[in-house]
Amino acid sequence: ACREALGHEGSIGLIAADARVPALATALADAGLAHLEPGTETTRESRLTLVPASLAKGLEYDYVVLDEPAAVVAGEADEPTGLRRLYVALTRAVSGLTVVHADELPGALATV
């Protein structure tokens, strides 16, 4: 999904549950996809930023890939807090959003 997202113009944010970030960083490296950390300015050559969901508030990307929404919700102390964190992650995209999941979607998303 990230390789496809890089076909779009502008900045790309891969947002994931905090606990999944190390594994995703490894997967990106194995796939030959360089990525930045939040707060690092993008360049024409480096446009993909791997963002822990807990740091997504206030950030904005032209295109967002959201990894495993259920993990974002489950990563918080309670469901209402997790759903708020998920809402923040879902609203970081300016032009496009791709949601990637193998696990069942949270109920709030499954009905959309």
N, C-alpha and C. Protein backbone atom coordinates (compact mmCIF):
# COMPACT_ATOMS: atom_id res chain seq x y z
N ALA A 1 0.82 -1.20 0.00
CA ALA A 1 0.00 0.00 0.00
C ALA A 1 0.86 1.26 0.00
N CYS A 2 2.00 1.21 0.70
CA CYS A 2 2.89 2.38 0.73
C CYS A 2 3.51 2.64 -0.63
N ARG A 3 3.91 1.59 -1.30
CA ARG A 3 4.51 1.75 -2.63
C ARG A 3 3.48 2.40 -3.57
N GLU A 4 2.24 1.95 -3.49
CA GLU A 4 1.17 2.53 -4.30
C GLU A 4 0.93 3.99 -3.91
N ALA A 5 0.93 4.27 -2.61
CA ALA A 5 0.71 5.64 -2.14
C ALA A 5 1.80 6.58 -2.65
N LEU A 6 3.02 6.07 -2.78
CA LEU A 6 4.11 6.91 -3.28
C LEU A 6 3.92 7.30 -4.74
N GLY A 7 2.95 6.70 -5.41
CA GLY A 7 2.59 7.11 -6.75
C GLY A 7 1.79 8.41 -6.76
N HIS A 8 1.31 8.82 -5.59
CA HIS A 8 0.58 10.08 -5.46
C HIS A 8 1.56 11.22 -5.20
N GLU A 9 1.12 12.41 -5.49
CA GLU A 9 1.92 13.61 -5.22
C GLU A 9 1.95 13.90 -3.72
N GLY A 10 3.01 14.53 -3.27
CA GLY A 10 3.06 15.06 -1.91
C GLY A 10 3.52 14.09 -0.85
N SER A 11 3.24 14.49 0.39
CA SER A 11 3.69 13.73 1.55
C SER A 11 2.79 12.53 1.81
N ILE A 12 3.41 11.45 2.32
CA ILE A 12 2.70 10.21 2.61
C ILE A 12 2.93 9.89 4.08
N GLY A 13 1.86 9.66 4.82
CA GLY A 13 1.97 9.24 6.20
C GLY A 13 1.47 7.82 6.36
N LEU A 14 2.29 6.95 6.91
CA LEU A 14 1.87 5.60 7.30
C LEU A 14 1.63 5.67 8.79
N ILE A 15 0.36 5.62 9.19
CA ILE A 15 -0.01 5.74 10.60
C ILE A 15 -0.39 4.36 11.12
N ALA A 16 0.16 4.03 12.29
CA ALA A 16 -0.06 2.70 12.85
C ALA A 16 -0.10 2.77 14.37
N ALA A 17 -0.68 1.74 14.97
CA ALA A 17 -0.63 1.62 16.43
C ALA A 17 0.83 1.65 16.87
N ASP A 18 1.10 2.29 17.97
CA ASP A 18 2.47 2.46 18.44
C ASP A 18 3.22 1.13 18.51
N ALA A 19 2.56 0.08 18.99
CA ALA A 19 3.20 -1.22 19.15
C ALA A 19 3.60 -1.85 17.82
N ARG A 20 2.97 -1.45 16.74
CA ARG A 20 3.25 -2.02 15.42
C ARG A 20 4.36 -1.28 14.66
N VAL A 21 4.75 -0.12 15.15
CA VAL A 21 5.72 0.71 14.43
C VAL A 21 7.07 0.01 14.21
N PRO A 22 7.67 -0.63 15.22
CA PRO A 22 8.97 -1.29 14.96
C PRO A 22 8.89 -2.35 13.86
N ALA A 23 7.85 -3.18 13.87
CA ALA A 23 7.71 -4.21 12.84
C ALA A 23 7.49 -3.58 11.47
N LEU A 24 6.73 -2.50 11.41
CA LEU A 24 6.50 -1.83 10.14
C LEU A 24 7.77 -1.17 9.63
N ALA A 25 8.58 -0.62 10.53
CA ALA A 25 9.85 -0.02 10.12
C ALA A 25 10.74 -1.09 9.48
N THR A 26 10.76 -2.27 10.06
CA THR A 26 11.54 -3.37 9.50
C THR A 26 10.98 -3.79 8.15
N ALA A 27 9.66 -3.90 8.05
CA ALA A 27 9.03 -4.30 6.79
C ALA A 27 9.31 -3.28 5.69
N LEU A 28 9.26 -2.00 6.02
CA LEU A 28 9.56 -0.96 5.03
C LEU A 28 11.01 -1.07 4.57
N ALA A 29 11.92 -1.26 5.51
CA ALA A 29 13.34 -1.40 5.16
C ALA A 29 13.56 -2.63 4.28
N ASP A 30 12.92 -3.74 4.64
CA ASP A 30 13.05 -4.97 3.85
C ASP A 30 12.51 -4.79 2.43
N ALA A 31 11.49 -3.92 2.30
CA ALA A 31 10.90 -3.66 0.99
C ALA A 31 11.66 -2.58 0.21
N GLY A 32 12.70 -2.04 0.83
CA GLY A 32 13.49 -1.00 0.16
C GLY A 32 12.81 0.36 0.15
N LEU A 33 11.89 0.58 1.10
CA LEU A 33 11.18 1.85 1.18
C LEU A 33 11.73 2.67 2.34
N ALA A 34 12.49 3.69 2.03
CA ALA A 34 13.02 4.57 3.06
C ALA A 34 11.87 5.35 3.68
N HIS A 35 11.97 5.60 4.99
CA HIS A 35 10.92 6.37 5.65
C HIS A 35 11.53 7.35 6.64
N LEU A 36 10.76 8.35 6.95
CA LEU A 36 11.16 9.39 7.88
C LEU A 36 10.43 9.20 9.21
N GLU A 37 10.93 9.88 10.24
CA GLU A 37 10.25 9.92 11.53
C GLU A 37 9.41 11.18 11.58
N PRO A 38 8.34 11.18 12.40
CA PRO A 38 7.52 12.39 12.52
C PRO A 38 8.38 13.59 12.90
N GLY A 39 8.08 14.72 12.30
CA GLY A 39 8.82 15.94 12.57
C GLY A 39 9.96 16.18 11.61
N THR A 40 10.32 15.16 10.82
CA THR A 40 11.37 15.31 9.82
C THR A 40 10.73 15.85 8.54
N GLU A 41 11.33 16.88 8.00
CA GLU A 41 10.77 17.49 6.79
C GLU A 41 10.94 16.57 5.59
N THR A 42 9.87 16.44 4.82
CA THR A 42 9.93 15.60 3.62
C THR A 42 10.69 16.33 2.52
N THR A 43 11.24 15.54 1.61
CA THR A 43 11.91 16.08 0.43
C THR A 43 11.32 15.39 -0.78
N ARG A 44 11.74 15.80 -1.93
CA ARG A 44 11.25 15.16 -3.16
C ARG A 44 11.59 13.67 -3.18
N GLU A 45 12.74 13.31 -2.60
CA GLU A 45 13.20 11.92 -2.59
C GLU A 45 12.65 11.13 -1.41
N SER A 46 12.39 11.77 -0.29
CA SER A 46 11.90 11.10 0.92
C SER A 46 10.57 11.71 1.34
N ARG A 47 9.50 10.99 1.03
CA ARG A 47 8.16 11.55 1.28
C ARG A 47 7.33 10.69 2.22
N LEU A 48 7.82 9.52 2.61
CA LEU A 48 7.06 8.59 3.44
C LEU A 48 7.48 8.72 4.90
N THR A 49 6.51 9.01 5.75
CA THR A 49 6.77 9.13 7.19
C THR A 49 6.00 8.05 7.93
N LEU A 50 6.69 7.30 8.79
CA LEU A 50 6.06 6.29 9.64
C LEU A 50 5.69 6.96 10.95
N VAL A 51 4.38 6.97 11.26
CA VAL A 51 3.88 7.75 12.38
C VAL A 51 3.17 6.86 13.39
N PRO A 52 3.65 6.83 14.64
CA PRO A 52 2.87 6.16 15.68
C PRO A 52 1.56 6.92 15.88
N ALA A 53 0.47 6.21 16.06
CA ALA A 53 -0.84 6.86 16.19
C ALA A 53 -0.86 7.88 17.32
N SER A 54 -0.11 7.64 18.37
CA SER A 54 -0.10 8.57 19.51
C SER A 54 0.53 9.91 19.15
N LEU A 55 1.27 9.98 18.05
CA LEU A 55 1.91 11.24 17.64
C LEU A 55 1.24 11.89 16.44
N ALA A 56 0.13 11.32 15.97
CA ALA A 56 -0.49 11.81 14.74
C ALA A 56 -1.25 13.12 14.90
N LYS A 57 -1.72 13.41 16.10
CA LYS A 57 -2.53 14.62 16.31
C LYS A 57 -1.74 15.86 15.90
N GLY A 58 -2.36 16.69 15.09
CA GLY A 58 -1.74 17.93 14.64
C GLY A 58 -0.92 17.79 13.36
N LEU A 59 -0.67 16.56 12.93
CA LEU A 59 0.08 16.34 11.69
C LEU A 59 -0.86 16.25 10.51
N GLU A 60 -0.35 16.49 9.33
CA GLU A 60 -1.16 16.46 8.12
C GLU A 60 -0.30 15.92 6.98
N TYR A 61 -0.90 15.03 6.19
CA TYR A 61 -0.21 14.44 5.04
C TYR A 61 -1.12 14.52 3.83
N ASP A 62 -0.52 14.64 2.66
CA ASP A 62 -1.33 14.65 1.44
C ASP A 62 -2.07 13.33 1.29
N TYR A 63 -1.41 12.24 1.63
CA TYR A 63 -2.02 10.91 1.50
C TYR A 63 -1.64 10.10 2.73
N VAL A 64 -2.60 9.36 3.27
CA VAL A 64 -2.35 8.54 4.47
C VAL A 64 -2.66 7.08 4.18
N VAL A 65 -1.78 6.21 4.67
CA VAL A 65 -2.05 4.78 4.73
C VAL A 65 -2.22 4.47 6.21
N LEU A 66 -3.40 3.99 6.59
CA LEU A 66 -3.67 3.64 7.98
C LEU A 66 -3.57 2.13 8.13
N ASP A 67 -2.66 1.69 8.98
CA ASP A 67 -2.42 0.27 9.23
C ASP A 67 -3.27 -0.22 10.40
N GLU A 68 -4.02 -1.28 10.20
CA GLU A 68 -4.76 -2.00 11.24
C GLU A 68 -5.50 -1.09 12.23
N PRO A 69 -6.65 -0.55 11.82
CA PRO A 69 -7.43 0.30 12.72
C PRO A 69 -7.75 -0.35 14.06
N ALA A 70 -8.02 -1.66 14.07
CA ALA A 70 -8.34 -2.34 15.33
C ALA A 70 -7.17 -2.27 16.31
N ALA A 71 -5.95 -2.32 15.80
CA ALA A 71 -4.78 -2.23 16.67
C ALA A 71 -4.63 -0.83 17.25
N VAL A 72 -5.03 0.19 16.49
CA VAL A 72 -5.00 1.56 17.00
C VAL A 72 -5.95 1.68 18.18
N VAL A 73 -7.17 1.15 18.02
CA VAL A 73 -8.17 1.20 19.10
C VAL A 73 -7.69 0.39 20.30
N ALA A 74 -7.20 -0.82 20.05
CA ALA A 74 -6.78 -1.72 21.13
C ALA A 74 -5.55 -1.20 21.87
N GLY A 75 -4.80 -0.31 21.25
CA GLY A 75 -3.59 0.21 21.87
C GLY A 75 -3.84 1.23 22.97
N GLU A 76 -5.08 1.59 23.19
CA GLU A 76 -5.42 2.57 24.22
C GLU A 76 -6.03 1.89 25.44
N ALA A 77 -6.12 2.62 26.54
CA ALA A 77 -6.60 2.06 27.81
C ALA A 77 -8.06 1.62 27.76
N ASP A 78 -8.87 2.30 26.95
CA ASP A 78 -10.28 1.94 26.85
C ASP A 78 -10.77 2.24 25.43
N GLU A 79 -11.92 1.67 25.08
CA GLU A 79 -12.42 1.81 23.71
C GLU A 79 -12.72 3.25 23.32
N PRO A 80 -13.39 4.05 24.17
CA PRO A 80 -13.64 5.44 23.76
C PRO A 80 -12.36 6.21 23.42
N THR A 81 -11.33 6.01 24.22
CA THR A 81 -10.05 6.68 23.94
C THR A 81 -9.44 6.14 22.65
N GLY A 82 -9.54 4.83 22.45
CA GLY A 82 -9.03 4.22 21.23
C GLY A 82 -9.75 4.71 19.99
N LEU A 83 -11.06 4.88 20.10
CA LEU A 83 -11.83 5.38 18.95
C LEU A 83 -11.49 6.84 18.65
N ARG A 84 -11.22 7.62 19.69
CA ARG A 84 -10.78 9.01 19.45
C ARG A 84 -9.42 9.02 18.75
N ARG A 85 -8.52 8.13 19.18
CA ARG A 85 -7.20 8.04 18.54
C ARG A 85 -7.36 7.63 17.08
N LEU A 86 -8.27 6.69 16.82
CA LEU A 86 -8.54 6.25 15.45
C LEU A 86 -9.09 7.40 14.61
N TYR A 87 -10.01 8.18 15.18
CA TYR A 87 -10.57 9.33 14.47
C TYR A 87 -9.45 10.30 14.06
N VAL A 88 -8.54 10.58 14.97
CA VAL A 88 -7.42 11.47 14.66
C VAL A 88 -6.62 10.90 13.49
N ALA A 89 -6.31 9.61 13.55
CA ALA A 89 -5.52 8.98 12.49
C ALA A 89 -6.23 9.06 11.14
N LEU A 90 -7.54 8.84 11.16
CA LEU A 90 -8.32 8.85 9.92
C LEU A 90 -8.43 10.24 9.30
N THR A 91 -8.24 11.26 10.09
CA THR A 91 -8.45 12.63 9.59
C THR A 91 -7.14 13.38 9.32
N ARG A 92 -6.03 12.67 9.18
CA ARG A 92 -4.74 13.32 8.89
C ARG A 92 -4.51 13.52 7.40
N ALA A 93 -5.33 12.91 6.56
CA ALA A 93 -5.14 12.96 5.11
C ALA A 93 -5.82 14.18 4.51
N VAL A 94 -5.12 14.84 3.58
CA VAL A 94 -5.69 15.97 2.86
C VAL A 94 -6.38 15.49 1.58
N SER A 95 -5.72 14.61 0.83
CA SER A 95 -6.23 14.21 -0.48
C SER A 95 -6.67 12.77 -0.61
N GLY A 96 -6.11 11.86 0.19
CA GLY A 96 -6.47 10.45 0.02
C GLY A 96 -6.12 9.62 1.24
N LEU A 97 -6.86 8.53 1.40
CA LEU A 97 -6.69 7.63 2.54
C LEU A 97 -6.86 6.20 2.08
N THR A 98 -5.94 5.34 2.50
CA THR A 98 -6.06 3.90 2.29
C THR A 98 -6.01 3.25 3.66
N VAL A 99 -6.97 2.37 3.95
CA VAL A 99 -7.00 1.63 5.20
C VAL A 99 -6.60 0.19 4.89
N VAL A 100 -5.56 -0.28 5.57
CA VAL A 100 -5.04 -1.63 5.36
C VAL A 100 -5.32 -2.43 6.63
N HIS A 101 -5.97 -3.59 6.46
CA HIS A 101 -6.25 -4.40 7.65
C HIS A 101 -6.39 -5.87 7.29
N ALA A 102 -5.93 -6.72 8.19
CA ALA A 102 -6.17 -8.16 8.13
C ALA A 102 -7.15 -8.53 9.23
N ASP A 103 -7.07 -7.79 10.35
CA ASP A 103 -7.99 -8.01 11.47
C ASP A 103 -9.34 -7.38 11.16
N GLU A 104 -10.34 -7.81 11.89
CA GLU A 104 -11.68 -7.25 11.73
C GLU A 104 -11.65 -5.76 12.06
N LEU A 105 -12.39 -4.98 11.30
CA LEU A 105 -12.47 -3.55 11.56
C LEU A 105 -13.24 -3.28 12.84
N PRO A 106 -12.91 -2.21 13.56
CA PRO A 106 -13.71 -1.83 14.72
C PRO A 106 -15.16 -1.59 14.27
N GLY A 107 -16.10 -1.87 15.15
CA GLY A 107 -17.51 -1.73 14.81
C GLY A 107 -17.86 -0.38 14.22
N ALA A 108 -17.25 0.69 14.73
CA ALA A 108 -17.56 2.03 14.23
C ALA A 108 -17.18 2.18 12.76
N LEU A 109 -16.18 1.46 12.29
CA LEU A 109 -15.79 1.53 10.88
C LEU A 109 -16.52 0.50 10.04
N ALA A 110 -16.84 -0.61 10.62
CA ALA A 110 -17.46 -1.71 9.86
C ALA A 110 -18.83 -1.32 9.32
N THR A 111 -19.49 -0.36 9.94
CA THR A 111 -20.82 0.04 9.50
C THR A 111 -20.78 1.16 8.48
N VAL A 112 -19.59 1.68 8.19
CA VAL A 112 -19.46 2.80 7.24
C VAL A 112 -19.49 2.28 5.83
